[in-house]
C-alpha atoms as a PDB file:
ATOM      1  CA  UNK A   1      24.991   0.827   5.416  1.00  0.00           C
ATOM      2  CA  UNK A   2      24.303  -0.824   8.933  1.00  0.00           C
ATOM      3  CA  UNK A   3      23.642   1.004  12.181  1.00  0.00           C
ATOM      4  CA  UNK A   4      24.397  -1.395  15.213  1.00  0.00           C
ATOM      5  CA  UNK A   5      24.357  -0.146  18.680  1.00  0.00           C
ATOM      6  CA  UNK A   6      23.797   3.926  17.866  1.00  0.00           C
ATOM      7  CA  UNK A   7      26.921   4.170  19.831  1.00  0.00           C
ATOM      8  CA  UNK A   8      29.151   7.232  19.485  1.00  0.00           C
ATOM      9  CA  UNK A   9      31.974   5.181  18.672  1.00  0.00           C
ATOM     10  CA  UNK A  10      29.955   5.465  14.952  1.00  0.00           C
ATOM     11  CA  UNK A  11      30.713   8.284  13.225  1.00  0.00           C
ATOM     12  CA  UNK A  12      28.262   7.680  10.913  1.00  0.00           C
ATOM     13  CA  UNK A  13      25.731   8.382  13.530  1.00  0.00           C
ATOM     14  CA  UNK A  14      24.898  11.969  14.368  1.00  0.00           C
ATOM     15  CA  UNK A  15      26.040  12.859  18.006  1.00  0.00           C
ATOM     16  CA  UNK A  16      22.607  14.163  19.339  1.00  0.00           C
ATOM     17  CA  UNK A  17      21.307  10.364  18.359  1.00  0.00           C
ATOM     18  CA  UNK A  18      24.087   8.149  19.424  1.00  0.00           C
ATOM     19  CA  UNK A  19      23.828   6.142  22.372  1.00  0.00           C
ATOM     20  CA  UNK A  20      24.591   2.550  23.779  1.00  0.00           C
ATOM     21  CA  UNK A  21      21.181   1.900  24.462  1.00  0.00           C
ATOM     22  CA  UNK A  22      19.559   3.811  21.835  1.00  0.00           C
ATOM     23  CA  UNK A  23      17.375   1.910  19.663  1.00  0.00           C
ATOM     24  CA  UNK A  24      16.331   1.452  15.851  1.00  0.00           C
ATOM     25  CA  UNK A  25      13.905   0.386  13.662  1.00  0.00           C
ATOM     26  CA  UNK A  26      12.556   0.849   9.934  1.00  0.00           C
ATOM     27  CA  UNK A  27       9.319   2.139  10.046  1.00  0.00           C
ATOM     28  CA  UNK A  28       7.030   2.246   6.734  1.00  0.00           C
ATOM     29  CA  UNK A  29       6.565   5.804   6.278  1.00  0.00           C
ATOM     30  CA  UNK A  30       6.652   7.493   2.903  1.00  0.00           C
ATOM     31  CA  UNK A  31       8.006  10.645   2.313  1.00  0.00           C
ATOM     32  CA  UNK A  32       4.427  12.738   2.629  1.00  0.00           C
ATOM     33  CA  UNK A  33       3.930  11.045   5.973  1.00  0.00           C
ATOM     34  CA  UNK A  34       7.437  11.750   7.011  1.00  0.00           C
ATOM     35  CA  UNK A  35       7.109  15.674   5.711  1.00  0.00           C
ATOM     36  CA  UNK A  36       3.196  15.834   7.761  1.00  0.00           C
ATOM     37  CA  UNK A  37       5.122  14.964  10.902  1.00  0.00           C
ATOM     38  CA  UNK A  38       6.020  18.525  12.310  1.00  0.00           C
ATOM     39  CA  UNK A  39       5.212  18.810  16.072  1.00  0.00           C
ATOM     40  CA  UNK A  40       5.693  16.180  18.856  1.00  0.00           C
ATOM     41  CA  UNK A  41       2.214  15.590  18.962  1.00  0.00           C
ATOM     42  CA  UNK A  42       2.586  14.504  15.790  1.00  0.00           C
ATOM     43  CA  UNK A  43       5.280  12.400  16.446  1.00  0.00           C
ATOM     44  CA  UNK A  44       3.707  10.546  19.394  1.00  0.00           C
ATOM     45  CA  UNK A  45       0.389  10.050  17.581  1.00  0.00           C
ATOM     46  CA  UNK A  46       2.168   8.572  14.365  1.00  0.00           C
ATOM     47  CA  UNK A  47       4.207   6.238  16.525  1.00  0.00           C
ATOM     48  CA  UNK A  48       2.654   5.626  19.516  1.00  0.00           C
ATOM     49  CA  UNK A  49       1.533   2.272  18.611  1.00  0.00           C
ATOM     50  CA  UNK A  50       5.095   1.142  18.733  1.00  0.00           C
ATOM     51  CA  UNK A  51       6.370  -0.235  21.666  1.00  0.00           C
ATOM     52  CA  UNK A  52       9.316  -0.916  23.180  1.00  0.00           C
ATOM     53  CA  UNK A  53       9.515  -4.811  22.267  1.00  0.00           C
ATOM     54  CA  UNK A  54       9.747  -3.103  18.314  1.00  0.00           C
ATOM     55  CA  UNK A  55      12.751  -1.660  18.417  1.00  0.00           C
ATOM     56  CA  UNK A  56      16.449  -3.335  18.102  1.00  0.00           C
ATOM     57  CA  UNK A  57      19.724  -2.118  18.161  1.00  0.00           C
ATOM     58  CA  UNK A  58      20.067  -2.720  15.219  1.00  0.00           C
ATOM     59  CA  UNK A  59      19.294  -1.367  11.378  1.00  0.00           C
ATOM     60  CA  UNK A  60      20.539  -2.220   8.043  1.00  0.00           C
ATOM     61  CA  UNK A  61      19.786   0.744   5.094  1.00  0.00           C
ATOM     62  CA  UNK A  62      19.695  -1.028   1.805  1.00  0.00           C
ATOM     63  CA  UNK A  63      20.359   0.426  -1.682  1.00  0.00           C
ATOM     64  CA  UNK A  64      19.093  -0.698  -5.369  1.00  0.00           C
ATOM     65  CA  UNK A  65      21.046   1.727  -7.531  1.00  0.00           C
ATOM     66  CA  UNK A  66      18.383   1.394  -9.486  1.00  0.00           C
ATOM     67  CA  UNK A  67      15.261   1.999  -7.066  1.00  0.00           C
ATOM     68  CA  UNK A  68      17.421   3.750  -4.686  1.00  0.00           C
ATOM     69  CA  UNK A  69      16.964   3.024  -0.917  1.00  0.00           C
ATOM     70  CA  UNK A  70      14.695   0.190  -0.090  1.00  0.00           C
ATOM     71  CA  UNK A  71      13.818   1.666   3.318  1.00  0.00           C
ATOM     72  CA  UNK A  72      14.597   4.987   3.695  1.00  0.00           C
ATOM     73  CA  UNK A  73      12.578   5.672   7.071  1.00  0.00           C
ATOM     74  CA  UNK A  74      13.651   4.760  10.537  1.00  0.00           C
ATOM     75  CA  UNK A  75      12.565   5.415  13.964  1.00  0.00           C
ATOM     76  CA  UNK A  76      14.720   5.268  17.156  1.00  0.00           C
ATOM     77  CA  UNK A  77      14.247   5.476  20.958  1.00  0.00           C
ATOM     78  CA  UNK A  78      17.210   7.266  22.672  1.00  0.00           C
ATOM     79  CA  UNK A  79      18.410   6.422  26.096  1.00  0.00           C
ATOM     80  CA  UNK A  80      16.099   8.969  27.320  1.00  0.00           C
ATOM     81  CA  UNK A  81      12.695   7.482  25.709  1.00  0.00           C
ATOM     82  CA  UNK A  82      12.473  10.408  23.480  1.00  0.00           C
ATOM     83  CA  UNK A  83      11.893   9.431  19.878  1.00  0.00           C
ATOM     84  CA  UNK A  84      13.240  10.584  16.551  1.00  0.00           C
ATOM     85  CA  UNK A  85      12.372  10.105  12.520  1.00  0.00           C
ATOM     86  CA  UNK A  86      15.276   9.465  10.223  1.00  0.00           C
ATOM     87  CA  UNK A  87      14.905   9.574   6.560  1.00  0.00           C
ATOM     88  CA  UNK A  88      17.467   8.766   4.528  1.00  0.00           C
ATOM     89  CA  UNK A  89      18.360   9.351   0.905  1.00  0.00           C
ATOM     90  CA  UNK A  90      21.749   8.379  -1.274  1.00  0.00           C
ATOM     91  CA  UNK A  91      23.600  11.528  -2.492  1.00  0.00           C
ATOM     92  CA  UNK A  92      25.912   9.346  -4.938  1.00  0.00           C
ATOM     93  CA  UNK A  93      27.123   6.085  -4.796  1.00  0.00           C
ATOM     94  CA  UNK A  94      29.110   5.762  -1.214  1.00  0.00           C
ATOM     95  CA  UNK A  95      27.138   8.795   0.439  1.00  0.00           C
ATOM     96  CA  UNK A  96      23.519   9.360   2.426  1.00  0.00           C
ATOM     97  CA  UNK A  97      21.710  12.556   3.525  1.00  0.00           C
ATOM     98  CA  UNK A  98      20.358  11.942   6.729  1.00  0.00           C
ATOM     99  CA  UNK A  99      17.477  14.287   7.734  1.00  0.00           C
ATOM    100  CA  UNK A 100      16.188  14.200  11.507  1.00  0.00           C
ATOM    101  CA  UNK A 101      12.457  14.890  13.269  1.00  0.00           C
ATOM    102  CA  UNK A 102      13.471  14.631  16.852  1.00  0.00           C
ATOM    103  CA  UNK A 103      11.127  15.018  19.992  1.00  0.00           C
ATOM    104  CA  UNK A 104      12.136  17.896  22.311  1.00  0.00           C
END
């Protein structure tokens, strides 16, 4: 699965996360780190080291059927500057479940 500009023309992108200037990048969080991110302050503290230059408008979610998803966690920065974390899980061979933690 590849996400390009995060615009609303791609129906695989959650509406609240879409935007032509929204950027995305893989992040090396494991599930425990993702679960520990609960508040806006947690998200800011855990991702504050990432600058605007760390992002692109494109992300590839690659799966290996033997091992599952290779890059399960992504960070996005929306057009308004707020950030969100995405955790990607395979539900079967062709479908994904996306869990979102978004700054409010």
